[in-house]
Amino acid sequence: MKIIILINLLLALTACTNKHDVCIKKGIQYYKDIGSYPKLSSEDVYADDKIKQTCSSNPNAFD
């Protein structure tokens, strides 16, 4: 029984990591499409930092 729970937990963590990675890729593409990559001139920050922050709080942010 413990093994089944552990396997399910690992699968859930893997799915979360994949969603996070997909979110980051979509975020990069979004900022490239609007011409704000690699640096957001409106906020004077790098898009990568903004994307990581956004995807950490909401992995569906760029869906």
Protein backbone atom coordinates (compact mmCIF):
# COMPACT_ATOMS: atom_id res chain seq x y z
CA MET A 1 0.00 0.00 0.00
CA LYS A 2 2.80 2.43 0.87
CA ILE A 3 4.45 1.75 -2.48
CA ILE A 4 1.26 2.67 -4.36
CA ILE A 5 0.97 5.94 -2.45
CA LEU A 6 4.62 6.73 -3.13
CA ILE A 7 4.26 6.00 -6.85
CA ASN A 8 1.17 8.23 -7.06
CA LEU A 9 2.98 11.02 -5.25
CA LEU A 10 5.96 10.79 -7.61
CA LEU A 11 3.67 10.85 -10.64
CA ALA A 12 1.89 13.93 -9.31
CA LEU A 13 5.19 15.73 -8.70
CA THR A 14 6.37 14.87 -12.20
CA ALA A 15 3.16 16.26 -13.68
CA CYS A 16 3.63 19.50 -11.73
CA THR A 17 7.19 19.86 -12.97
CA ASN A 18 6.10 19.29 -16.56
CA LYS A 19 3.33 21.91 -16.24
CA HIS A 20 5.87 24.37 -14.84
CA ASP A 21 8.29 23.71 -17.71
CA VAL A 22 5.51 24.07 -20.29
CA CYS A 23 4.42 27.31 -18.64
CA ILE A 24 7.95 28.71 -18.89
CA LYS A 25 8.24 27.77 -22.58
CA LYS A 26 4.87 29.39 -23.32
CA GLY A 27 5.85 32.48 -21.35
CA ILE A 28 9.06 32.88 -23.31
CA GLN A 29 7.16 32.55 -26.57
CA TYR A 30 4.54 35.04 -25.39
CA TYR A 31 7.12 37.71 -24.58
CA LYS A 32 8.96 37.05 -27.85
CA ASP A 33 5.69 37.45 -29.77
CA ILE A 34 5.00 40.84 -28.22
CA GLY A 35 8.61 41.98 -28.65
CA SER A 36 9.47 42.16 -24.96
CA TYR A 37 12.08 39.42 -24.76
CA PRO A 38 14.63 39.22 -23.17
CA LYS A 39 13.90 42.39 -21.17
CA LEU A 40 10.59 43.97 -20.26
CA SER A 41 11.09 47.66 -20.83
CA SER A 42 7.89 48.58 -19.00
CA GLU A 43 9.09 47.03 -15.74
CA ASP A 44 12.87 47.13 -16.32
CA VAL A 45 13.21 43.42 -15.48
CA TYR A 46 14.24 40.39 -17.47
CA ALA A 47 11.39 38.39 -18.95
CA ASP A 48 12.90 35.12 -17.68
CA ASP A 49 12.64 36.33 -14.08
CA LYS A 50 9.07 37.52 -14.59
CA ILE A 51 8.10 34.23 -16.29
CA LYS A 52 9.57 32.08 -13.50
CA GLN A 53 7.76 34.15 -10.87
CA THR A 54 4.47 34.00 -12.78
CA CYS A 55 4.67 30.26 -13.48
CA SER A 56 5.58 29.48 -9.87
CA SER A 57 2.35 31.02 -8.66
CA ASN A 58 0.18 29.88 -11.59
CA PRO A 59 1.42 27.14 -13.95
CA ASN A 60 -1.53 27.90 -16.27
CA ALA A 61 -0.69 31.58 -16.63
CA PHE A 62 0.24 31.44 -20.33
CA ASP A 63 -2.37 28.91 -21.48
